[in-house]
């Protein structure tokens, strides 16, 4: 993948009552993003994690930030994500994003 500084936020919403399918696809989803790097060796996946229900008990989706040169590349990456190919996400949205507060260089950590 080409080098880029463009960031995209991805918000995926699971099909209802889909925990079993999510957990089966999870290792594949994590492996898919873990080893993907741009031409400068930077990780494509910048951060992410599950979205939960209001009680915080059940995973109902995912939010993550990826690095891609353009929206077409971001969409192509999501098309091959195991959460898409294994039918975990009912819908997903990709939006351009600028990392402003709490950047790795700022010294602010979660």
Protein backbone atom coordinates (compact mmCIF):
# COMPACT_ATOMS: atom_id res chain seq x y z
CA UNK A 1 0.00 0.00 0.00
CA UNK A 2 1.21 3.50 -0.81
CA UNK A 3 2.43 5.76 1.96
CA UNK A 4 -0.14 8.24 3.23
CA UNK A 5 -0.97 10.52 6.09
CA UNK A 6 -4.73 10.39 5.41
CA UNK A 7 -6.80 8.90 8.23
CA UNK A 8 -10.29 7.39 8.06
CA UNK A 9 -12.66 6.50 10.86
CA UNK A 10 -14.67 3.33 10.37
CA UNK A 11 -17.86 2.67 12.33
CA UNK A 12 -19.30 -0.78 11.80
CA UNK A 13 -22.64 -1.89 13.21
CA UNK A 14 -23.23 -5.60 13.75
CA UNK A 15 -26.29 -7.53 12.74
CA UNK A 16 -28.53 -7.95 15.82
CA UNK A 17 -27.73 -10.87 18.15
CA UNK A 18 -24.53 -11.60 16.26
CA UNK A 19 -22.06 -12.29 19.10
CA UNK A 20 -21.35 -15.89 18.04
CA UNK A 21 -20.52 -14.91 14.46
CA UNK A 22 -18.45 -11.93 15.69
CA UNK A 23 -16.36 -14.06 18.03
CA UNK A 24 -15.76 -16.66 15.29
CA UNK A 25 -14.55 -13.97 12.86
CA UNK A 26 -12.60 -11.93 15.42
CA UNK A 27 -9.20 -13.70 15.13
CA UNK A 28 -9.38 -13.34 11.33
CA UNK A 29 -10.35 -9.66 11.61
CA UNK A 30 -7.47 -8.92 13.99
CA UNK A 31 -4.95 -10.84 11.87
CA UNK A 32 -6.15 -9.06 8.71
CA UNK A 33 -5.30 -5.62 10.11
CA UNK A 34 -2.34 -6.55 12.34
CA UNK A 35 0.27 -7.09 9.65
CA UNK A 36 -0.87 -4.48 7.11
CA UNK A 37 1.61 -1.61 6.62
CA UNK A 38 2.09 1.20 4.09
CA UNK A 39 5.25 1.62 2.03
CA UNK A 40 6.92 3.53 4.90
CA UNK A 41 6.30 0.64 7.27
CA UNK A 42 3.53 2.39 9.23
CA UNK A 43 0.62 0.32 10.42
CA UNK A 44 -2.58 0.84 8.44
CA UNK A 45 -4.72 0.23 11.55
CA UNK A 46 -4.06 3.11 13.95
CA UNK A 47 -6.43 2.20 16.76
CA UNK A 48 -9.76 0.55 17.31
CA UNK A 49 -12.02 -1.58 19.40
CA UNK A 50 -15.53 -2.84 19.90
CA UNK A 51 -18.58 -0.64 20.35
CA UNK A 52 -20.78 -1.96 23.14
CA UNK A 53 -24.37 -1.70 24.24
CA UNK A 54 -25.25 0.92 26.88
CA UNK A 55 -24.45 -1.49 29.71
CA UNK A 56 -20.99 -2.17 28.23
CA UNK A 57 -21.63 -5.90 28.25
CA UNK A 58 -22.33 -6.82 24.63
CA UNK A 59 -20.29 -5.94 21.55
CA UNK A 60 -22.59 -4.44 18.93
CA UNK A 61 -20.08 -3.03 16.46
CA UNK A 62 -16.58 -1.68 15.98
CA UNK A 63 -14.84 1.67 15.67
CA UNK A 64 -11.38 1.94 14.23
CA UNK A 65 -9.09 4.38 12.50
CA UNK A 66 -7.16 3.35 9.41
CA UNK A 67 -4.51 4.98 7.25
CA UNK A 68 -5.28 4.98 3.49
CA UNK A 69 -4.42 7.35 0.63
CA UNK A 70 -8.03 7.84 -0.49
CA UNK A 71 -11.62 6.74 0.08
CA UNK A 72 -11.44 4.14 -2.71
CA UNK A 73 -8.54 2.40 -0.98
CA UNK A 74 -10.28 2.60 2.40
CA UNK A 75 -13.42 1.04 0.90
CA UNK A 76 -11.38 -1.71 -0.76
CA UNK A 77 -9.70 -2.52 2.56
CA UNK A 78 -13.07 -2.81 4.28
CA UNK A 79 -14.48 -4.99 1.51
CA UNK A 80 -11.88 -7.63 2.42
CA UNK A 81 -12.20 -7.24 6.22
CA UNK A 82 -13.38 -10.55 7.74
CA UNK A 83 -16.08 -8.70 9.70
CA UNK A 84 -17.55 -7.81 6.30
CA UNK A 85 -16.84 -11.08 4.47
CA UNK A 86 -18.08 -13.22 7.39
CA UNK A 87 -21.33 -11.27 7.80
CA UNK A 88 -20.61 -9.60 11.15
CA UNK A 89 -21.25 -6.00 10.06
CA UNK A 90 -24.76 -5.18 8.94
CA UNK A 91 -23.53 -1.73 7.91
CA UNK A 92 -20.34 0.28 8.06
CA UNK A 93 -19.46 3.88 7.43
CA UNK A 94 -16.09 5.36 6.45
CA UNK A 95 -15.38 9.05 7.05
CA UNK A 96 -12.23 11.18 6.71
CA UNK A 97 -10.75 12.00 10.11
CA UNK A 98 -8.07 14.33 11.48
CA UNK A 99 -6.25 13.25 14.63
CA UNK A 100 -6.06 16.41 16.74
CA UNK A 101 -6.19 15.68 20.47
CA UNK A 102 -4.26 12.91 22.19
CA UNK A 103 -1.93 12.19 19.29
CA UNK A 104 0.98 9.82 19.98
CA UNK A 105 3.39 12.77 19.92
CA UNK A 106 1.43 14.81 22.48
CA UNK A 107 2.25 12.61 25.45
CA UNK A 108 -1.46 12.22 26.19
CA UNK A 109 -2.37 8.60 26.73
CA UNK A 110 -5.70 6.94 27.42
